[in-house]
Amino acid sequence: MGDPKRSDDAGLTEATREEERREAAATHAADRGPTPEEEREAPGRDDLDPSVAESYEEMTERGVAEQGEGRIP
């Protein structure tokens, strides 16, 4: 049995674990492709606002230079 302090395996039967292994190994795919309406309404690369890319670049540069308590190494 697993670590009793871990809640993710508490009370699981071997049948449940086996089913989870089977499901994790199964091939997964979309049930259908997009409809013509969904295709028309989907944003394309040309629909992007240039200011969004500029803001993204600015935030990326700020993040690289981040120092202090909130920094993720």
N, C-alpha and C. Protein backbone atom coordinates (compact mmCIF):
# COMPACT_ATOMS: atom_id res chain seq x y z
N MET A 1 0.85 -1.19 0.00
CA MET A 1 0.00 0.00 0.00
C MET A 1 0.88 1.23 0.00
N GLY A 2 0.37 2.35 -0.48
CA GLY A 2 1.13 3.59 -0.59
C GLY A 2 1.32 4.30 0.73
N ASP A 3 1.92 5.42 0.67
CA ASP A 3 2.18 6.27 1.83
C ASP A 3 0.84 6.72 2.42
N PRO A 4 0.55 6.45 3.70
CA PRO A 4 -0.74 6.83 4.28
C PRO A 4 -0.96 8.33 4.34
N LYS A 5 0.10 9.12 4.23
CA LYS A 5 -0.03 10.58 4.24
C LYS A 5 -0.49 11.13 2.90
N ARG A 6 -0.39 10.32 1.85
CA ARG A 6 -0.79 10.77 0.51
C ARG A 6 -2.27 10.52 0.32
N SER A 7 -3.01 11.57 -0.01
CA SER A 7 -4.45 11.41 -0.21
C SER A 7 -4.78 10.91 -1.61
N ASP A 8 -3.82 10.99 -2.56
CA ASP A 8 -4.13 10.60 -3.94
C ASP A 8 -4.27 9.10 -4.13
N ASP A 9 -3.79 8.28 -3.20
CA ASP A 9 -3.95 6.85 -3.36
C ASP A 9 -4.75 6.22 -2.22
N ALA A 10 -5.27 7.02 -1.33
CA ALA A 10 -6.03 6.51 -0.19
C ALA A 10 -7.33 5.88 -0.65
N GLY A 11 -7.55 4.64 -0.28
CA GLY A 11 -8.81 3.98 -0.58
C GLY A 11 -8.97 3.46 -1.98
N LEU A 12 -7.96 3.55 -2.84
CA LEU A 12 -8.09 3.05 -4.20
C LEU A 12 -7.89 1.55 -4.22
N THR A 13 -8.73 0.88 -4.97
CA THR A 13 -8.59 -0.57 -5.11
C THR A 13 -7.61 -0.86 -6.25
N GLU A 14 -7.15 -2.07 -6.30
CA GLU A 14 -6.26 -2.48 -7.39
C GLU A 14 -6.99 -2.40 -8.73
N ALA A 15 -8.29 -2.67 -8.73
CA ALA A 15 -9.08 -2.56 -9.96
C ALA A 15 -9.11 -1.11 -10.45
N THR A 16 -9.22 -0.17 -9.54
CA THR A 16 -9.22 1.25 -9.91
C THR A 16 -7.87 1.63 -10.47
N ARG A 17 -6.82 1.20 -9.82
CA ARG A 17 -5.46 1.51 -10.30
C ARG A 17 -5.23 0.92 -11.69
N GLU A 18 -5.69 -0.30 -11.90
CA GLU A 18 -5.52 -0.95 -13.21
C GLU A 18 -6.31 -0.19 -14.28
N GLU A 19 -7.52 0.24 -13.96
CA GLU A 19 -8.32 1.00 -14.92
C GLU A 19 -7.64 2.33 -15.24
N GLU A 20 -7.07 2.99 -14.25
CA GLU A 20 -6.36 4.25 -14.48
C GLU A 20 -5.14 4.03 -15.36
N ARG A 21 -4.43 2.94 -15.16
CA ARG A 21 -3.27 2.62 -16.02
C ARG A 21 -3.72 2.38 -17.46
N ARG A 22 -4.83 1.62 -17.62
CA ARG A 22 -5.35 1.33 -18.95
C ARG A 22 -5.78 2.62 -19.64
N GLU A 23 -6.49 3.49 -18.93
CA GLU A 23 -6.96 4.74 -19.50
C GLU A 23 -5.79 5.65 -19.86
N ALA A 24 -4.77 5.70 -19.02
CA ALA A 24 -3.61 6.55 -19.29
C ALA A 24 -2.86 6.08 -20.54
N ALA A 25 -2.88 4.80 -20.82
CA ALA A 25 -2.16 4.26 -21.98
C ALA A 25 -3.00 4.30 -23.26
N ALA A 26 -4.29 4.58 -23.15
CA ALA A 26 -5.17 4.58 -24.31
C ALA A 26 -4.87 5.76 -25.24
N THR A 27 -5.15 5.57 -26.50
CA THR A 27 -5.01 6.65 -27.48
C THR A 27 -6.20 7.59 -27.32
N HIS A 28 -5.90 8.88 -27.28
CA HIS A 28 -6.96 9.88 -27.14
C HIS A 28 -6.96 10.79 -28.37
N ALA A 29 -8.14 11.11 -28.84
CA ALA A 29 -8.26 11.97 -30.01
C ALA A 29 -9.56 12.78 -29.91
N ALA A 30 -9.62 13.83 -30.68
CA ALA A 30 -10.83 14.64 -30.74
C ALA A 30 -11.97 13.80 -31.31
N ASP A 31 -13.18 14.07 -30.84
CA ASP A 31 -14.32 13.30 -31.33
C ASP A 31 -14.76 13.72 -32.73
N ARG A 32 -14.38 14.95 -33.13
CA ARG A 32 -14.73 15.44 -34.46
C ARG A 32 -13.84 16.62 -34.80
N GLY A 33 -13.82 16.98 -36.05
CA GLY A 33 -13.10 18.17 -36.48
C GLY A 33 -13.99 19.39 -36.29
N PRO A 34 -13.44 20.58 -36.51
CA PRO A 34 -14.25 21.79 -36.37
C PRO A 34 -15.30 21.88 -37.47
N THR A 35 -16.42 22.48 -37.14
CA THR A 35 -17.46 22.71 -38.14
C THR A 35 -17.03 23.89 -39.02
N PRO A 36 -17.65 24.06 -40.19
CA PRO A 36 -17.32 25.21 -41.04
C PRO A 36 -17.50 26.54 -40.29
N GLU A 37 -18.54 26.64 -39.47
CA GLU A 37 -18.77 27.86 -38.70
C GLU A 37 -17.62 28.09 -37.70
N GLU A 38 -17.19 27.04 -37.03
CA GLU A 38 -16.08 27.17 -36.08
C GLU A 38 -14.79 27.56 -36.80
N GLU A 39 -14.58 27.01 -37.98
CA GLU A 39 -13.41 27.37 -38.78
C GLU A 39 -13.42 28.87 -39.12
N ARG A 40 -14.58 29.37 -39.54
CA ARG A 40 -14.69 30.79 -39.91
C ARG A 40 -14.45 31.70 -38.71
N GLU A 41 -14.95 31.30 -37.53
CA GLU A 41 -14.86 32.16 -36.35
C GLU A 41 -13.54 32.03 -35.60
N ALA A 42 -12.77 31.02 -35.91
CA ALA A 42 -11.50 30.84 -35.21
C ALA A 42 -10.53 31.96 -35.58
N PRO A 43 -9.86 32.52 -34.57
CA PRO A 43 -8.90 33.59 -34.89
C PRO A 43 -7.67 33.03 -35.60
N GLY A 44 -7.17 33.78 -36.53
CA GLY A 44 -5.95 33.39 -37.24
C GLY A 44 -4.79 34.23 -36.78
N ARG A 45 -3.63 33.94 -37.28
CA ARG A 45 -2.43 34.70 -36.90
C ARG A 45 -2.56 36.17 -37.32
N ASP A 46 -3.31 36.45 -38.37
CA ASP A 46 -3.48 37.83 -38.83
C ASP A 46 -4.38 38.65 -37.93
N ASP A 47 -5.14 37.96 -37.05
CA ASP A 47 -6.07 38.64 -36.17
C ASP A 47 -5.42 39.18 -34.90
N LEU A 48 -4.14 38.91 -34.69
CA LEU A 48 -3.48 39.30 -33.45
C LEU A 48 -3.19 40.80 -33.43
N ASP A 49 -3.43 41.40 -32.28
CA ASP A 49 -3.16 42.82 -32.08
C ASP A 49 -1.65 42.98 -31.85
N PRO A 50 -0.96 43.81 -32.63
CA PRO A 50 0.49 43.99 -32.46
C PRO A 50 0.87 44.45 -31.05
N SER A 51 -0.02 45.18 -30.37
CA SER A 51 0.31 45.63 -29.01
C SER A 51 0.38 44.46 -28.04
N VAL A 52 -0.31 43.36 -28.34
CA VAL A 52 -0.26 42.18 -27.48
C VAL A 52 1.13 41.57 -27.55
N ALA A 53 1.69 41.45 -28.74
CA ALA A 53 3.04 40.90 -28.91
C ALA A 53 4.06 41.79 -28.22
N GLU A 54 3.88 43.09 -28.34
CA GLU A 54 4.81 44.04 -27.70
C GLU A 54 4.74 43.88 -26.18
N SER A 55 3.54 43.78 -25.64
CA SER A 55 3.36 43.61 -24.19
C SER A 55 3.96 42.28 -23.74
N TYR A 56 3.77 41.24 -24.52
CA TYR A 56 4.33 39.93 -24.19
C TYR A 56 5.85 40.01 -24.10
N GLU A 57 6.46 40.64 -25.09
CA GLU A 57 7.92 40.78 -25.09
C GLU A 57 8.38 41.56 -23.86
N GLU A 58 7.67 42.63 -23.52
CA GLU A 58 8.03 43.44 -22.36
C GLU A 58 7.95 42.62 -21.07
N MET A 59 6.87 41.86 -20.91
CA MET A 59 6.71 41.05 -19.71
C MET A 59 7.76 39.95 -19.63
N THR A 60 8.13 39.39 -20.78
CA THR A 60 9.17 38.36 -20.81
C THR A 60 10.49 38.95 -20.34
N GLU A 61 10.82 40.13 -20.84
CA GLU A 61 12.06 40.78 -20.42
C GLU A 61 12.05 41.11 -18.93
N ARG A 62 10.92 41.58 -18.43
CA ARG A 62 10.81 41.87 -17.00
C ARG A 62 10.97 40.60 -16.18
N GLY A 63 10.38 39.53 -16.63
CA GLY A 63 10.46 38.26 -15.91
C GLY A 63 11.87 37.74 -15.82
N VAL A 64 12.63 37.90 -16.86
CA VAL A 64 14.03 37.44 -16.86
C VAL A 64 14.84 38.18 -15.81
N ALA A 65 14.52 39.46 -15.65
CA ALA A 65 15.29 40.30 -14.72
C ALA A 65 14.72 40.31 -13.31
N GLU A 66 13.65 39.56 -13.06
CA GLU A 66 12.98 39.57 -11.76
C GLU A 66 13.92 39.13 -10.64
N GLN A 67 13.87 39.86 -9.56
CA GLN A 67 14.66 39.54 -8.38
C GLN A 67 13.72 39.54 -7.17
N GLY A 68 14.11 38.88 -6.11
CA GLY A 68 13.37 38.98 -4.86
C GLY A 68 12.56 37.74 -4.52
N GLU A 69 11.68 37.93 -3.55
CA GLU A 69 10.95 36.82 -2.93
C GLU A 69 10.05 36.06 -3.91
N GLY A 70 9.41 36.75 -4.84
CA GLY A 70 8.48 36.10 -5.76
C GLY A 70 9.15 35.43 -6.95
N ARG A 71 10.45 35.49 -7.03
CA ARG A 71 11.18 34.96 -8.19
C ARG A 71 11.16 33.44 -8.18
N ILE A 72 10.90 32.86 -9.33
CA ILE A 72 10.95 31.40 -9.49
C ILE A 72 12.26 31.11 -10.20
N PRO A 73 13.15 30.39 -9.55
CA PRO A 73 14.48 30.12 -10.17
C PRO A 73 14.40 29.24 -11.38
